[in-house]
Amino acid sequence: MRFGFRGLVAAALLVLVSLAFNAPASAAVVITVDKSSQRMTVVVDGVKKYTWPVSTGSRNYVTPSGSYTAFRMEKEHYSKEWDDAPMPHSIFFTHQGHAIHGSNSRLGVPLSHGCVRLSPQNAATLFNLVERRGVYSTRVVITDRAPVVTAKTTSKNKNKPFVSPFYMDRMNP
């Protein structure tokens, strides 16, 4: 046994890497947040399990649209950016600090600082589900299904359409 322990470790790593590359690409849990309806849908293994009201980013604090992999969970988290505001059952999906978390604030309207707020009970349910199924097997998809609102203008520049400020997060400056 010339390679001994090192050879065994190298072989084990090779097996783990090959298993990782052969793993299915789909997520076990898909959390979809529709900013236009302020609703979250949770799908587990392709089956719709929950639909809940949420609150996403207000006009000045955008919840970023896109598809993300959850990467961190904290049962009790306090915001370092917003005066130690409680963020129970946090599931983080961006490295800028955006998370899905429980909140006692009003739901169904965009009022947050960019996170996705959920009722404390629903946040606990989601947290436990993601904890059981695996944080790295959880996909977070943030969408805005509503079309951009445009209207004809009566200003001097007739080629420039009006775009509602509600959809400003979709425009590039």
N, C-alpha and C. Protein backbone atom coordinates (compact mmCIF):
# COMPACT_ATOMS: atom_id res chain seq x y z
N MET A 1 0.84 -1.18 0.00
CA MET A 1 0.00 0.00 0.00
C MET A 1 0.87 1.23 0.00
N ARG A 2 1.27 1.59 -1.16
CA ARG A 2 2.17 2.73 -1.29
C ARG A 2 1.47 4.05 -0.99
N PHE A 3 0.20 4.19 -1.40
CA PHE A 3 -0.49 5.47 -1.23
C PHE A 3 -1.11 5.60 0.15
N GLY A 4 -1.48 4.52 0.79
CA GLY A 4 -1.99 4.52 2.15
C GLY A 4 -3.17 5.46 2.36
N PHE A 5 -3.07 6.20 3.44
CA PHE A 5 -4.17 7.09 3.86
C PHE A 5 -4.46 8.18 2.83
N ARG A 6 -3.42 8.76 2.26
CA ARG A 6 -3.62 9.82 1.25
C ARG A 6 -4.37 9.29 0.03
N GLY A 7 -4.04 8.11 -0.38
CA GLY A 7 -4.71 7.50 -1.52
C GLY A 7 -6.18 7.24 -1.23
N LEU A 8 -6.46 6.80 -0.01
CA LEU A 8 -7.83 6.55 0.40
C LEU A 8 -8.64 7.86 0.43
N VAL A 9 -8.05 8.91 0.96
CA VAL A 9 -8.71 10.21 1.00
C VAL A 9 -8.96 10.73 -0.41
N ALA A 10 -7.97 10.61 -1.28
CA ALA A 10 -8.12 11.06 -2.67
C ALA A 10 -9.23 10.29 -3.38
N ALA A 11 -9.30 9.00 -3.15
CA ALA A 11 -10.35 8.18 -3.77
C ALA A 11 -11.73 8.59 -3.25
N ALA A 12 -11.82 8.84 -1.94
CA ALA A 12 -13.10 9.26 -1.36
C ALA A 12 -13.54 10.60 -1.94
N LEU A 13 -12.60 11.53 -2.08
CA LEU A 13 -12.93 12.83 -2.68
C LEU A 13 -13.40 12.67 -4.12
N LEU A 14 -12.76 11.81 -4.85
CA LEU A 14 -13.14 11.57 -6.25
C LEU A 14 -14.57 11.03 -6.32
N VAL A 15 -14.93 10.13 -5.43
CA VAL A 15 -16.28 9.57 -5.40
C VAL A 15 -17.30 10.67 -5.07
N LEU A 16 -16.98 11.50 -4.07
CA LEU A 16 -17.89 12.59 -3.69
C LEU A 16 -18.09 13.58 -4.83
N VAL A 17 -17.02 13.93 -5.52
CA VAL A 17 -17.13 14.86 -6.64
C VAL A 17 -17.97 14.26 -7.76
N SER A 18 -17.78 12.99 -8.05
CA SER A 18 -18.57 12.37 -9.12
C SER A 18 -20.04 12.29 -8.74
N LEU A 19 -20.33 12.04 -7.45
CA LEU A 19 -21.73 12.03 -7.01
C LEU A 19 -22.35 13.42 -7.13
N ALA A 20 -21.58 14.44 -6.80
CA ALA A 20 -22.10 15.81 -6.89
C ALA A 20 -22.45 16.17 -8.33
N PHE A 21 -21.61 15.77 -9.28
CA PHE A 21 -21.88 16.10 -10.68
C PHE A 21 -23.00 15.26 -11.26
N ASN A 22 -23.29 14.11 -10.67
CA ASN A 22 -24.37 13.27 -11.16
C ASN A 22 -25.68 13.52 -10.44
N ALA A 23 -25.67 14.42 -9.46
CA ALA A 23 -26.88 14.73 -8.71
C ALA A 23 -27.87 15.46 -9.62
N PRO A 24 -29.17 15.31 -9.37
CA PRO A 24 -30.14 16.02 -10.20
C PRO A 24 -30.02 17.52 -10.04
N ALA A 25 -30.25 18.25 -11.13
CA ALA A 25 -30.09 19.70 -11.12
C ALA A 25 -31.29 20.42 -10.53
N SER A 26 -32.42 19.74 -10.43
CA SER A 26 -33.62 20.41 -9.94
C SER A 26 -33.61 20.52 -8.42
N ALA A 27 -34.27 21.55 -7.93
CA ALA A 27 -34.35 21.76 -6.49
C ALA A 27 -35.54 21.01 -5.93
N ALA A 28 -35.39 20.51 -4.72
CA ALA A 28 -36.49 19.81 -4.06
C ALA A 28 -37.58 20.80 -3.65
N VAL A 29 -37.16 22.01 -3.24
CA VAL A 29 -38.10 23.05 -2.82
C VAL A 29 -37.91 24.25 -3.73
N VAL A 30 -38.99 24.73 -4.32
CA VAL A 30 -38.95 25.95 -5.14
C VAL A 30 -39.91 26.95 -4.52
N ILE A 31 -39.35 28.09 -4.12
CA ILE A 31 -40.12 29.17 -3.52
C ILE A 31 -40.23 30.27 -4.58
N THR A 32 -41.42 30.56 -5.04
CA THR A 32 -41.62 31.59 -6.05
C THR A 32 -42.36 32.76 -5.41
N VAL A 33 -41.79 33.94 -5.54
CA VAL A 33 -42.39 35.16 -5.01
C VAL A 33 -42.77 36.04 -6.20
N ASP A 34 -44.04 36.34 -6.33
CA ASP A 34 -44.53 37.20 -7.39
C ASP A 34 -44.73 38.60 -6.81
N LYS A 35 -43.85 39.52 -7.18
CA LYS A 35 -43.92 40.88 -6.63
C LYS A 35 -45.18 41.61 -7.07
N SER A 36 -45.71 41.29 -8.24
CA SER A 36 -46.90 42.01 -8.71
C SER A 36 -48.14 41.64 -7.90
N SER A 37 -48.22 40.41 -7.41
CA SER A 37 -49.38 39.98 -6.61
C SER A 37 -49.07 39.92 -5.12
N GLN A 38 -47.78 40.08 -4.76
CA GLN A 38 -47.35 39.98 -3.36
C GLN A 38 -47.78 38.63 -2.76
N ARG A 39 -47.50 37.56 -3.53
CA ARG A 39 -47.83 36.20 -3.10
C ARG A 39 -46.59 35.31 -3.25
N MET A 40 -46.48 34.35 -2.34
CA MET A 40 -45.43 33.34 -2.40
C MET A 40 -46.09 31.99 -2.62
N THR A 41 -45.50 31.20 -3.52
CA THR A 41 -45.94 29.83 -3.75
C THR A 41 -44.77 28.92 -3.44
N VAL A 42 -45.03 27.86 -2.68
CA VAL A 42 -44.00 26.89 -2.32
C VAL A 42 -44.35 25.56 -2.97
N VAL A 43 -43.41 25.07 -3.77
CA VAL A 43 -43.58 23.79 -4.47
C VAL A 43 -42.52 22.83 -3.95
N VAL A 44 -42.96 21.63 -3.57
CA VAL A 44 -42.05 20.60 -3.07
C VAL A 44 -42.13 19.39 -4.00
N ASP A 45 -41.00 19.03 -4.58
CA ASP A 45 -40.93 17.91 -5.53
C ASP A 45 -42.00 18.00 -6.61
N GLY A 46 -42.22 19.22 -7.10
CA GLY A 46 -43.15 19.44 -8.19
C GLY A 46 -44.61 19.57 -7.77
N VAL A 47 -44.90 19.49 -6.48
CA VAL A 47 -46.27 19.58 -5.98
C VAL A 47 -46.44 20.88 -5.20
N LYS A 48 -47.45 21.67 -5.59
CA LYS A 48 -47.72 22.94 -4.89
C LYS A 48 -48.25 22.64 -3.49
N LYS A 49 -47.53 23.17 -2.48
CA LYS A 49 -47.89 22.91 -1.08
C LYS A 49 -48.52 24.12 -0.39
N TYR A 50 -47.98 25.32 -0.64
CA TYR A 50 -48.44 26.51 0.07
C TYR A 50 -48.52 27.71 -0.86
N THR A 51 -49.46 28.60 -0.57
CA THR A 51 -49.53 29.92 -1.18
C THR A 51 -49.83 30.89 -0.05
N TRP A 52 -48.95 31.89 0.12
CA TRP A 52 -49.07 32.82 1.23
C TRP A 52 -48.90 34.26 0.77
N PRO A 53 -49.52 35.21 1.47
CA PRO A 53 -49.25 36.63 1.19
C PRO A 53 -47.88 37.02 1.74
N VAL A 54 -47.22 37.95 1.06
CA VAL A 54 -45.90 38.43 1.48
C VAL A 54 -45.85 39.94 1.34
N SER A 55 -44.76 40.50 1.79
CA SER A 55 -44.46 41.90 1.53
C SER A 55 -43.03 41.95 1.01
N THR A 56 -42.85 42.50 -0.19
CA THR A 56 -41.52 42.62 -0.77
C THR A 56 -41.07 44.08 -0.66
N GLY A 57 -39.98 44.40 -1.32
CA GLY A 57 -39.38 45.73 -1.21
C GLY A 57 -40.30 46.86 -1.63
N SER A 58 -40.23 47.93 -0.84
CA SER A 58 -41.01 49.13 -1.16
C SER A 58 -40.39 49.82 -2.37
N ARG A 59 -40.97 50.92 -2.76
CA ARG A 59 -40.52 51.66 -3.95
C ARG A 59 -39.03 52.02 -3.90
N ASN A 60 -38.54 52.36 -2.71
CA ASN A 60 -37.14 52.76 -2.57
C ASN A 60 -36.19 51.63 -2.21
N TYR A 61 -36.73 50.45 -1.91
CA TYR A 61 -35.90 49.30 -1.51
C TYR A 61 -36.36 48.08 -2.29
N VAL A 62 -35.71 47.81 -3.38
CA VAL A 62 -36.15 46.78 -4.31
C VAL A 62 -35.76 45.38 -3.83
N THR A 63 -36.68 44.45 -3.97
CA THR A 63 -36.38 43.03 -3.85
C THR A 63 -35.91 42.61 -5.23
N PRO A 64 -34.67 42.12 -5.36
CA PRO A 64 -34.14 41.83 -6.69
C PRO A 64 -34.84 40.64 -7.36
N SER A 65 -35.27 40.85 -8.61
CA SER A 65 -35.85 39.75 -9.39
C SER A 65 -34.74 38.82 -9.83
N GLY A 66 -35.07 37.55 -9.97
CA GLY A 66 -34.09 36.57 -10.43
C GLY A 66 -34.31 35.22 -9.79
N SER A 67 -33.40 34.32 -10.09
CA SER A 67 -33.45 32.97 -9.55
C SER A 67 -32.21 32.74 -8.70
N TYR A 68 -32.39 32.29 -7.47
CA TYR A 68 -31.31 32.17 -6.50
C TYR A 68 -31.36 30.81 -5.82
N THR A 69 -30.23 30.39 -5.28
CA THR A 69 -30.17 29.22 -4.42
C THR A 69 -30.03 29.71 -2.99
N ALA A 70 -30.92 29.27 -2.12
CA ALA A 70 -30.79 29.63 -0.71
C ALA A 70 -29.45 29.07 -0.21
N PHE A 71 -28.80 29.81 0.69
CA PHE A 71 -27.48 29.36 1.13
C PHE A 71 -27.24 29.46 2.63
N ARG A 72 -28.15 30.12 3.35
CA ARG A 72 -27.94 30.28 4.79
C ARG A 72 -29.29 30.39 5.48
N MET A 73 -29.37 29.81 6.67
CA MET A 73 -30.60 29.89 7.46
C MET A 73 -30.23 30.28 8.89
N GLU A 74 -31.06 31.13 9.49
CA GLU A 74 -30.88 31.49 10.89
C GLU A 74 -32.25 31.56 11.55
N LYS A 75 -32.42 30.76 12.59
CA LYS A 75 -33.71 30.71 13.28
C LYS A 75 -34.01 32.05 13.95
N GLU A 76 -33.00 32.66 14.56
CA GLU A 76 -33.15 33.97 15.19
C GLU A 76 -32.08 34.89 14.64
N HIS A 77 -32.48 35.83 13.82
CA HIS A 77 -31.52 36.77 13.23
C HIS A 77 -32.02 38.19 13.50
N TYR A 78 -31.07 39.10 13.72
CA TYR A 78 -31.40 40.51 13.92
C TYR A 78 -30.61 41.31 12.89
N SER A 79 -31.29 42.19 12.19
CA SER A 79 -30.68 42.96 11.12
C SER A 79 -29.58 43.88 11.64
N LYS A 80 -28.42 43.77 11.03
CA LYS A 80 -27.31 44.66 11.38
C LYS A 80 -27.47 46.02 10.68
N GLU A 81 -28.28 46.02 9.62
CA GLU A 81 -28.46 47.23 8.83
C GLU A 81 -29.64 48.08 9.31
N TRP A 82 -30.65 47.44 9.88
CA TRP A 82 -31.89 48.15 10.23
C TRP A 82 -32.18 48.05 11.73
N ASP A 83 -31.33 48.65 12.55
CA ASP A 83 -31.55 48.81 13.99
C ASP A 83 -31.90 47.52 14.72
N ASP A 84 -31.18 46.46 14.40
CA ASP A 84 -31.41 45.16 15.06
C ASP A 84 -32.86 44.68 14.94
N ALA A 85 -33.49 45.00 13.83
CA ALA A 85 -34.86 44.55 13.60
C ALA A 85 -34.89 43.01 13.59
N PRO A 86 -35.86 42.42 14.28
CA PRO A 86 -35.94 40.95 14.31
C PRO A 86 -36.32 40.38 12.94
N MET A 87 -35.64 39.32 12.56
CA MET A 87 -35.90 38.62 11.30
C MET A 87 -35.99 37.11 11.61
N PRO A 88 -37.06 36.68 12.30
CA PRO A 88 -37.14 35.28 12.69
C PRO A 88 -37.28 34.35 11.49
N HIS A 89 -36.70 33.17 11.63
CA HIS A 89 -36.77 32.13 10.61
C HIS A 89 -36.28 32.64 9.24
N SER A 90 -35.09 33.21 9.23
CA SER A 90 -34.52 33.79 8.01
C SER A 90 -33.93 32.72 7.10
N ILE A 91 -34.25 32.87 5.81
CA ILE A 91 -33.64 32.05 4.75
C ILE A 91 -33.02 33.04 3.78
N PHE A 92 -31.69 33.11 3.76
CA PHE A 92 -30.98 34.09 2.94
C PHE A 92 -30.79 33.56 1.52
N PHE A 93 -31.03 34.44 0.55
CA PHE A 93 -30.89 34.03 -0.85
C PHE A 93 -30.00 34.95 -1.67
N THR A 94 -29.54 36.09 -1.15
CA THR A 94 -28.50 36.88 -1.83
C THR A 94 -27.41 37.21 -0.83
N HIS A 95 -26.22 37.42 -1.34
CA HIS A 95 -25.09 37.77 -0.47
C HIS A 95 -25.14 39.24 -0.06
N GLN A 96 -26.09 39.99 -0.57
CA GLN A 96 -26.29 41.38 -0.13
C GLN A 96 -27.19 41.42 1.12
N GLY A 97 -27.71 40.28 1.54
CA GLY A 97 -28.50 40.21 2.76
C GLY A 97 -29.99 40.03 2.58
N HIS A 98 -30.45 39.85 1.34
CA HIS A 98 -31.88 39.63 1.12
C HIS A 98 -32.27 38.26 1.66
N ALA A 99 -33.38 38.24 2.40
CA ALA A 99 -33.83 36.99 3.01
C ALA A 99 -35.35 36.93 3.01
N ILE A 100 -35.85 35.72 3.19
CA ILE A 100 -37.26 35.50 3.47
C ILE A 100 -37.31 35.34 4.98
N HIS A 101 -38.19 36.08 5.65
CA HIS A 101 -38.25 35.97 7.11
C HIS A 101 -39.62 36.36 7.65
N GLY A 102 -39.87 35.98 8.88
CA GLY A 102 -41.12 36.30 9.53
C GLY A 102 -41.20 37.77 9.91
N SER A 103 -42.42 38.29 9.92
CA SER A 103 -42.64 39.68 10.29
C SER A 103 -44.10 39.86 10.71
N ASN A 104 -44.30 40.71 11.69
CA ASN A 104 -45.67 41.04 12.12
C ASN A 104 -46.23 42.24 11.37
N SER A 105 -45.49 42.75 10.41
CA SER A 105 -45.96 43.92 9.66
C SER A 105 -46.99 43.52 8.61
N ARG A 106 -47.60 44.52 8.03
CA ARG A 106 -48.65 44.32 7.03
C ARG A 106 -48.13 43.54 5.83
N LEU A 107 -48.91 42.58 5.36
CA LEU A 107 -48.55 41.76 4.20
C LEU A 107 -49.48 42.10 3.04
N GLY A 108 -49.06 41.73 1.83
CA GLY A 108 -49.88 41.96 0.65
C GLY A 108 -49.55 43.24 -0.08
N VAL A 109 -48.64 44.04 0.47
CA VAL A 109 -48.21 45.29 -0.16
C VAL A 109 -46.68 45.40 -0.04
N PRO A 110 -46.03 46.04 -1.01
CA PRO A 110 -44.56 46.17 -0.95
C PRO A 110 -44.13 47.23 0.07
N LEU A 111 -43.68 46.78 1.24
CA LEU A 111 -43.31 47.69 2.32
C LEU A 111 -41.92 47.43 2.93
N SER A 112 -41.23 46.37 2.51
CA SER A 112 -40.00 45.99 3.18
C SER A 112 -38.79 46.78 2.66
N HIS A 113 -37.66 46.54 3.28
CA HIS A 113 -36.39 47.14 2.84
C HIS A 113 -35.70 46.25 1.81
N GLY A 114 -36.43 45.33 1.19
CA GLY A 114 -35.88 44.48 0.15
C GLY A 114 -36.01 43.00 0.44
N CYS A 115 -36.22 42.65 1.70
CA CYS A 115 -36.45 41.25 2.05
C CYS A 115 -37.86 40.84 1.67
N VAL A 116 -38.13 39.56 1.81
CA VAL A 116 -39.48 39.04 1.59
C VAL A 116 -40.05 38.72 2.97
N ARG A 117 -41.04 39.51 3.38
CA ARG A 117 -41.67 39.30 4.69
C ARG A 117 -42.84 38.33 4.56
N LEU A 118 -42.99 37.56 5.60
CA LEU A 118 -43.98 36.50 5.64
C LEU A 118 -44.53 36.47 7.07
N SER A 119 -45.75 35.99 7.28
CA SER A 119 -46.26 35.93 8.65
C SER A 119 -45.34 35.02 9.47
N PRO A 120 -45.20 35.27 10.77
CA PRO A 120 -44.30 34.45 11.60
C PRO A 120 -44.64 32.95 11.54
N GLN A 121 -45.91 32.60 11.53
CA GLN A 121 -46.31 31.19 11.48
C GLN A 121 -45.88 30.55 10.16
N ASN A 122 -46.12 31.26 9.05
CA ASN A 122 -45.74 30.72 7.74
C ASN A 122 -44.23 30.68 7.58
N ALA A 123 -43.53 31.66 8.15
CA ALA A 123 -42.07 31.66 8.09
C ALA A 123 -41.51 30.45 8.84
N ALA A 124 -42.10 30.11 9.98
CA ALA A 124 -41.65 28.94 10.74
C ALA A 124 -41.91 27.65 9.95
N THR A 125 -43.08 27.57 9.31
CA THR A 125 -43.40 26.39 8.49
C THR A 125 -42.40 26.25 7.35
N LEU A 126 -42.13 27.36 6.65
CA LEU A 126 -41.18 27.33 5.54
C LEU A 126 -39.77 26.99 6.02
N PHE A 127 -39.35 27.59 7.11
CA PHE A 127 -38.02 27.35 7.67
C PHE A 127 -37.85 25.85 7.98
N ASN A 128 -38.84 25.27 8.64
CA ASN A 128 -38.76 23.85 8.99
C ASN A 128 -38.73 22.96 7.76
N LEU A 129 -39.50 23.32 6.73
CA LEU A 129 -39.50 22.57 5.48
C LEU A 129 -38.13 22.62 4.83
N VAL A 130 -37.57 23.82 4.70
CA VAL A 130 -36.26 23.98 4.06
C VAL A 130 -35.17 23.29 4.89
N GLU A 131 -35.29 23.35 6.19
CA GLU A 131 -34.32 22.68 7.06
C GLU A 131 -34.35 21.16 6.84
N ARG A 132 -35.55 20.60 6.70
CA ARG A 132 -35.69 19.16 6.46
C ARG A 132 -35.19 18.75 5.08
N ARG A 133 -35.53 19.57 4.06
CA ARG A 133 -35.22 19.20 2.68
C ARG A 133 -33.82 19.61 2.25
N GLY A 134 -33.23 20.57 2.96
CA GLY A 134 -31.87 21.02 2.65
C GLY A 134 -31.86 22.41 2.05
N VAL A 135 -31.10 23.29 2.68
CA VAL A 135 -31.04 24.69 2.22
C VAL A 135 -30.48 24.77 0.80
N TYR A 136 -29.48 23.93 0.48
CA TYR A 136 -28.87 24.00 -0.85
C TYR A 136 -29.74 23.36 -1.93
N SER A 137 -30.81 22.69 -1.52
CA SER A 137 -31.77 22.12 -2.47
C SER A 137 -32.98 23.03 -2.62
N THR A 138 -32.84 24.27 -2.17
CA THR A 138 -33.96 25.21 -2.21
C THR A 138 -33.67 26.33 -3.19
N ARG A 139 -34.59 26.51 -4.11
CA ARG A 139 -34.49 27.56 -5.13
C ARG A 139 -35.46 28.67 -4.76
N VAL A 140 -35.02 29.91 -4.84
CA VAL A 140 -35.86 31.08 -4.60
C VAL A 140 -35.96 31.85 -5.91
N VAL A 141 -37.17 32.00 -6.41
CA VAL A 141 -37.40 32.68 -7.69
C VAL A 141 -38.26 33.91 -7.40
N ILE A 142 -37.72 35.09 -7.72
CA ILE A 142 -38.45 36.34 -7.51
C ILE A 142 -38.86 36.85 -8.88
N THR A 143 -40.16 37.01 -9.08
CA THR A 143 -40.68 37.45 -10.39
C THR A 143 -41.55 38.69 -10.25
N ASP A 144 -41.82 39.29 -11.37
CA ASP A 144 -42.78 40.38 -11.46
C ASP A 144 -43.54 40.12 -12.75
N ARG A 145 -44.64 39.41 -12.65
CA ARG A 145 -45.37 38.95 -13.83
C ARG A 145 -46.15 40.03 -14.55
N ALA A 146 -46.44 41.12 -13.87
CA ALA A 146 -47.26 42.16 -14.49
C ALA A 146 -46.48 42.83 -15.61
N PRO A 147 -47.13 43.14 -16.70
CA PRO A 147 -46.43 43.82 -17.80
C PRO A 147 -46.09 45.26 -17.42
N VAL A 148 -45.08 45.78 -18.06
CA VAL A 148 -44.72 47.18 -17.85
C VAL A 148 -45.85 48.04 -18.38
N VAL A 149 -46.29 48.99 -17.58
CA VAL A 149 -47.40 49.86 -17.97
C VAL A 149 -46.85 51.00 -18.83
N THR A 150 -47.37 51.13 -20.01
CA THR A 150 -46.95 52.23 -20.89
C THR A 150 -48.18 53.00 -21.34
N ALA A 151 -47.98 54.24 -21.68
CA ALA A 151 -49.08 55.07 -22.16
C ALA A 151 -48.51 56.09 -23.14
N LYS A 152 -49.36 56.56 -24.02
CA LYS A 152 -48.93 57.59 -24.95
C LYS A 152 -48.76 58.90 -24.19
N THR A 153 -47.78 59.65 -24.58
CA THR A 153 -47.51 60.92 -23.91
C THR A 153 -47.97 62.08 -24.78
N THR A 154 -48.30 63.16 -24.15
CA THR A 154 -48.68 64.35 -24.89
C THR A 154 -47.57 65.39 -24.82
N SER A 155 -46.42 64.98 -24.28
CA SER A 155 -45.30 65.92 -24.17
C SER A 155 -44.65 66.13 -25.53
N LYS A 156 -43.66 67.03 -25.57
CA LYS A 156 -42.95 67.33 -26.81
C LYS A 156 -42.23 66.10 -27.36
N ASN A 157 -41.72 65.25 -26.47
CA ASN A 157 -41.00 64.04 -26.90
C ASN A 157 -42.00 62.89 -26.99
N LYS A 158 -42.64 62.76 -28.15
CA LYS A 158 -43.69 61.76 -28.32
C LYS A 158 -43.14 60.34 -28.46
N ASN A 159 -41.83 60.17 -28.64
CA ASN A 159 -41.26 58.84 -28.79
C ASN A 159 -40.92 58.20 -27.44
N LYS A 160 -40.99 58.94 -26.37
CA LYS A 160 -40.62 58.42 -25.06
C LYS A 160 -41.89 57.96 -24.33
N PRO A 161 -42.02 56.63 -24.09
CA PRO A 161 -43.22 56.14 -23.40
C PRO A 161 -43.16 56.42 -21.90
N PHE A 162 -44.32 56.51 -21.29
CA PHE A 162 -44.42 56.65 -19.85
C PHE A 162 -44.27 55.27 -19.23
N VAL A 163 -43.44 55.15 -18.20
CA VAL A 163 -43.28 53.90 -17.48
C VAL A 163 -43.64 54.15 -16.03
N SER A 164 -44.56 53.36 -15.52
CA SER A 164 -45.00 53.52 -14.14
C SER A 164 -43.84 53.35 -13.18
N PRO A 165 -43.73 54.19 -12.13
CA PRO A 165 -42.65 54.06 -11.16
C PRO A 165 -42.72 52.75 -10.38
N PHE A 166 -43.88 52.09 -10.35
CA PHE A 166 -44.01 50.81 -9.67
C PHE A 166 -43.08 49.76 -10.27
N TYR A 167 -42.70 49.94 -11.52
CA TYR A 167 -41.87 48.97 -12.22
C TYR A 167 -40.45 49.46 -12.45
N MET A 168 -40.02 50.45 -11.69
CA MET A 168 -38.70 51.04 -11.91
C MET A 168 -37.56 50.05 -11.70
N ASP A 169 -37.78 48.99 -10.91
CA ASP A 169 -36.72 48.02 -10.69
C ASP A 169 -36.40 47.22 -11.95
N ARG A 170 -37.27 47.30 -12.97
CA ARG A 170 -37.03 46.58 -14.21
C ARG A 170 -36.24 47.39 -15.22
N MET A 171 -36.04 48.68 -14.93
CA MET A 171 -35.36 49.56 -15.88
C MET A 171 -33.89 49.69 -15.52
N ASN A 172 -33.06 49.76 -16.51
CA ASN A 172 -31.63 50.00 -16.30
C ASN A 172 -31.38 51.51 -16.40
N PRO A 173 -30.68 52.06 -15.40
CA PRO A 173 -30.43 53.53 -15.43
C PRO A 173 -29.51 53.92 -16.56
